[in-house]
C-alpha atoms as a PDB file:
ATOM      1  CA  MET A   1      34.668 -15.275 -24.674  1.00  0.00           C
ATOM      2  CA  GLN A   2      33.386 -17.513 -21.900  1.00  0.00           C
ATOM      3  CA  GLU A   3      33.753 -14.614 -19.462  1.00  0.00           C
ATOM      4  CA  MET A   4      31.511 -12.479 -21.691  1.00  0.00           C
ATOM      5  CA  MET A   5      28.889 -15.256 -21.770  1.00  0.00           C
ATOM      6  CA  ILE A   6      28.916 -15.511 -17.975  1.00  0.00           C
ATOM      7  CA  CYS A   7      28.590 -11.747 -17.662  1.00  0.00           C
ATOM      8  CA  SER A   8      25.729 -11.766 -20.167  1.00  0.00           C
ATOM      9  CA  GLU A   9      23.983 -14.573 -18.264  1.00  0.00           C
ATOM     10  CA  GLU A  10      24.396 -12.696 -14.987  1.00  0.00           C
ATOM     11  CA  MET A  11      22.935  -9.557 -16.550  1.00  0.00           C
ATOM     12  CA  GLN A  12      20.033 -11.540 -17.963  1.00  0.00           C
ATOM     13  CA  THR A  13      19.421 -13.205 -14.587  1.00  0.00           C
ATOM     14  CA  GLU A  14      19.459  -9.805 -12.864  1.00  0.00           C
ATOM     15  CA  LYS A  15      17.009  -8.412 -15.428  1.00  0.00           C
ATOM     16  CA  ILE A  16      14.668 -11.347 -14.875  1.00  0.00           C
ATOM     17  CA  ARG A  17      14.915 -10.847 -11.096  1.00  0.00           C
ATOM     18  CA  LYS A  18      14.080  -7.143 -11.440  1.00  0.00           C
ATOM     19  CA  ASP A  19      11.211  -7.857 -13.840  1.00  0.00           C
ATOM     20  CA  LEU A  20       9.784 -10.448 -11.451  1.00  0.00           C
ATOM     21  CA  LEU A  21      10.061  -8.067  -8.493  1.00  0.00           C
ATOM     22  CA  HIS A  22       8.428  -5.312 -10.577  1.00  0.00           C
ATOM     23  CA  TYR A  23       5.535  -7.640 -11.462  1.00  0.00           C
ATOM     24  CA  GLU A  24       5.104  -8.740  -7.828  1.00  0.00           C
ATOM     25  CA  VAL A  25       5.209  -5.166  -6.546  1.00  0.00           C
ATOM     26  CA  PHE A  26       2.497  -4.006  -8.930  1.00  0.00           C
ATOM     27  CA  ALA A  27       0.388  -7.078  -8.170  1.00  0.00           C
ATOM     28  CA  ASP A  28       0.659  -6.173  -4.477  1.00  0.00           C
ATOM     29  CA  ILE A  29      -0.301  -2.557  -5.213  1.00  0.00           C
ATOM     30  CA  GLY A  30      -3.387  -3.866  -7.007  1.00  0.00           C
ATOM     31  CA  LEU A  31      -4.136  -6.045  -3.985  1.00  0.00           C
ATOM     32  CA  LEU A  32      -3.694  -3.050  -1.673  1.00  0.00           C
ATOM     33  CA  LYS A  33      -6.061  -0.924  -3.758  1.00  0.00           C
ATOM     34  CA  GLY A  34      -8.613  -3.746  -3.688  1.00  0.00           C
ATOM     35  CA  MET A  35      -8.363  -3.880   0.112  1.00  0.00           C
ATOM     36  CA  ILE A  36      -8.953  -0.132   0.286  1.00  0.00           C
ATOM     37  CA  SER A  37     -12.141  -0.582  -1.754  1.00  0.00           C
ATOM     38  CA  GLU A  38     -13.162  -3.429   0.544  1.00  0.00           C
ATOM     39  CA  TYR A  39     -12.560  -1.199   3.575  1.00  0.00           C
ATOM     40  CA  GLU A  40     -14.733   1.519   2.068  1.00  0.00           C
ATOM     41  CA  SER A  41     -17.564  -0.957   1.401  1.00  0.00           C
ATOM     42  CA  LEU A  42     -17.353  -2.445   4.894  1.00  0.00           C
ATOM     43  CA  MET A  43     -17.402   0.970   6.544  1.00  0.00           C
ATOM     44  CA  GLU A  44     -20.339   2.140   4.424  1.00  0.00           C
ATOM     45  CA  GLU A  45     -22.208  -1.029   5.359  1.00  0.00           C
ATOM     46  CA  PHE A  46     -21.395  -0.442   9.026  1.00  0.00           C
ATOM     47  CA  SER A  47     -22.510   3.196   8.838  1.00  0.00           C
ATOM     48  CA  ARG A  48     -25.951   2.043   7.701  1.00  0.00           C
ATOM     49  CA  THR A  49     -26.339   0.198  11.024  1.00  0.00           C
ATOM     50  CA  LEU A  50     -26.052   3.458  12.983  1.00  0.00           C
ATOM     51  CA  SER A  51     -29.154   5.224  14.198  1.00  0.00           C
ATOM     52  CA  LEU A  52     -30.066   8.562  12.635  1.00  0.00           C
ATOM     53  CA  PRO A  53     -28.870  10.549  15.679  1.00  0.00           C
ATOM     54  CA  GLU A  54     -25.569   8.631  15.666  1.00  0.00           C
ATOM     55  CA  ARG A  55     -25.116   9.313  11.951  1.00  0.00           C
ATOM     56  CA  ALA A  56     -25.850  13.001  12.468  1.00  0.00           C
ATOM     57  CA  GLU A  57     -23.327  13.214  15.304  1.00  0.00           C
ATOM     58  CA  LEU A  58     -20.565  11.025  13.855  1.00  0.00           C
ATOM     59  CA  ARG A  59     -20.938  11.939  10.175  1.00  0.00           C
ATOM     60  CA  PRO A  60     -19.597   8.544   9.067  1.00  0.00           C
ATOM     61  CA  GLN A  61     -19.603   9.378   5.352  1.00  0.00           C
ATOM     62  CA  ASP A  62     -17.158  12.218   5.936  1.00  0.00           C
ATOM     63  CA  GLN A  63     -14.911  10.018   8.072  1.00  0.00           C
ATOM     64  CA  ILE A  64     -15.033   7.175   5.542  1.00  0.00           C
ATOM     65  CA  ALA A  65     -14.152   9.550   2.709  1.00  0.00           C
ATOM     66  CA  GLU A  66     -11.212  10.932   4.708  1.00  0.00           C
ATOM     67  CA  ASP A  67      -9.958   7.443   5.643  1.00  0.00           C
ATOM     68  CA  VAL A  68     -10.176   6.285   2.023  1.00  0.00           C
ATOM     69  CA  ARG A  69      -8.402   9.443   0.839  1.00  0.00           C
ATOM     70  CA  ARG A  70      -5.520   8.777   3.232  1.00  0.00           C
ATOM     71  CA  LEU A  71      -5.283   5.097   2.308  1.00  0.00           C
ATOM     72  CA  ASN A  72      -5.352   5.910  -1.416  1.00  0.00           C
ATOM     73  CA  THR A  73      -2.658   8.543  -0.888  1.00  0.00           C
ATOM     74  CA  LEU A  74      -0.489   5.877   0.735  1.00  0.00           C
ATOM     75  CA  ALA A  75      -1.083   3.425  -2.133  1.00  0.00           C
ATOM     76  CA  GLU A  76      -0.359   6.110  -4.744  1.00  0.00           C
ATOM     77  CA  ALA A  77       2.804   7.223  -2.950  1.00  0.00           C
ATOM     78  CA  LEU A  78       4.053   3.633  -2.769  1.00  0.00           C
ATOM     79  CA  GLU A  79       3.250   3.161  -6.446  1.00  0.00           C
ATOM     80  CA  TYR A  80       5.077   6.366  -7.363  1.00  0.00           C
ATOM     81  CA  ILE A  81       8.212   5.366  -5.450  1.00  0.00           C
ATOM     82  CA  VAL A  82       8.444   1.871  -6.927  1.00  0.00           C
ATOM     83  CA  THR A  83       7.793   3.274 -10.402  1.00  0.00           C
ATOM     84  CA  GLU A  84      10.517   5.895 -10.071  1.00  0.00           C
ATOM     85  CA  GLU A  85      13.008   3.636  -8.285  1.00  0.00           C
ATOM     86  CA  GLU A  86      12.772   0.383 -10.191  1.00  0.00           C
ATOM     87  CA  GLY A  87      13.917  -2.582  -8.148  1.00  0.00           C
ATOM     88  CA  LEU A  88      12.533  -1.385  -4.812  1.00  0.00           C
ATOM     89  CA  SER A  89      10.080  -3.507  -2.880  1.00  0.00           C
ATOM     90  CA  LEU A  90       6.955  -2.052  -1.298  1.00  0.00           C
ATOM     91  CA  ALA A  91       8.541  -2.568   2.124  1.00  0.00           C
ATOM     92  CA  GLU A  92      11.518  -0.452   1.055  1.00  0.00           C
ATOM     93  CA  ALA A  93       9.186   2.194  -0.392  1.00  0.00           C
ATOM     94  CA  LEU A  94       7.270   2.201   2.901  1.00  0.00           C
ATOM     95  CA  GLN A  95      10.487   2.919   4.810  1.00  0.00           C
ATOM     96  CA  ILE A  96      11.169   5.855   2.479  1.00  0.00           C
ATOM     97  CA  LEU A  97       7.687   7.208   3.148  1.00  0.00           C
ATOM     98  CA  LYS A  98       8.147   6.822   6.896  1.00  0.00           C
ATOM     99  CA  ARG A  99      11.249   8.986   6.743  1.00  0.00           C
ATOM    100  CA  HIS A 100      10.289  11.488   4.048  1.00  0.00           C
ATOM    101  CA  GLY A 101       6.527  11.272   3.504  1.00  0.00           C
ATOM    102  CA  GLY A 102       5.451  13.977   5.889  1.00  0.00           C
ATOM    103  CA  GLU A 103       3.521  13.907   9.140  1.00  0.00           C
ATOM    104  CA  GLU A 104       0.150  12.738   7.814  1.00  0.00           C
ATOM    105  CA  ILE A 105       1.504   9.737   5.943  1.00  0.00           C
ATOM    106  CA  SER A 106       3.903   8.832   8.776  1.00  0.00           C
ATOM    107  CA  CYS A 107       1.040   8.883  11.274  1.00  0.00           C
ATOM    108  CA  LEU A 108      -1.090   6.749   8.966  1.00  0.00           C
ATOM    109  CA  ILE A 109       1.702   4.182   8.547  1.00  0.00           C
ATOM    110  CA  ASN A 110       2.263   4.033  12.310  1.00  0.00           C
ATOM    111  CA  TYR A 111      -1.471   3.591  12.863  1.00  0.00           C
ATOM    112  CA  LEU A 112      -1.711   0.792  10.306  1.00  0.00           C
ATOM    113  CA  GLU A 113       1.337  -0.973  11.747  1.00  0.00           C
ATOM    114  CA  LYS A 114      -0.123  -0.947  15.269  1.00  0.00           C
ATOM    115  CA  SER A 115      -3.740  -1.662  14.342  1.00  0.00           C
ATOM    116  CA  ASP A 116      -5.367  -4.932  15.319  1.00  0.00           C
ATOM    117  CA  TYR A 117      -8.029  -4.489  12.630  1.00  0.00           C
ATOM    118  CA  PRO A 118      -7.621  -7.559  10.366  1.00  0.00           C
ATOM    119  CA  LEU A 119      -7.974  -5.683   7.069  1.00  0.00           C
ATOM    120  CA  PHE A 120      -5.280  -3.183   8.077  1.00  0.00           C
ATOM    121  CA  GLN A 121      -3.053  -6.086   9.135  1.00  0.00           C
ATOM    122  CA  ASP A 122      -3.623  -7.648   5.707  1.00  0.00           C
ATOM    123  CA  MET A 123      -2.709  -4.347   4.029  1.00  0.00           C
ATOM    124  CA  MET A 124       0.560  -4.188   5.934  1.00  0.00           C
ATOM    125  CA  ALA A 125       1.276  -7.849   5.158  1.00  0.00           C
ATOM    126  CA  ALA A 126       0.825  -7.117   1.433  1.00  0.00           C
ATOM    127  CA  ILE A 127       3.283  -4.244   1.719  1.00  0.00           C
ATOM    128  CA  ASP A 128       5.809  -6.140   3.826  1.00  0.00           C
ATOM    129  CA  ARG A 129       6.087  -9.226   1.602  1.00  0.00           C
END
């Protein structure tokens, strides 16, 4: 009887641990999505400082849209993995994406990991918690 109680307590403790990890992971995904929105706002603000010829040549709105698309794809892929594989951390999901996410997402992850841009460093820190 006591053995059953211990087993039940262990199962309950494991469930609580998984639930806590699940909550933390989704809080970090929300944080990541907020940082992506912040990045978009900062880049749009920066693009307004460019001269008209620079804007015509660089087409910052197109580049911003593409960057945001890639970052959102990463966030959505991480969210999908941790939803499907309950109990995984974002860091573990990131490793899965590095190996199996395809060239575009692998290149993006490598870029973010090597970037010295503070917001990208913050994004990676949120994933690597």
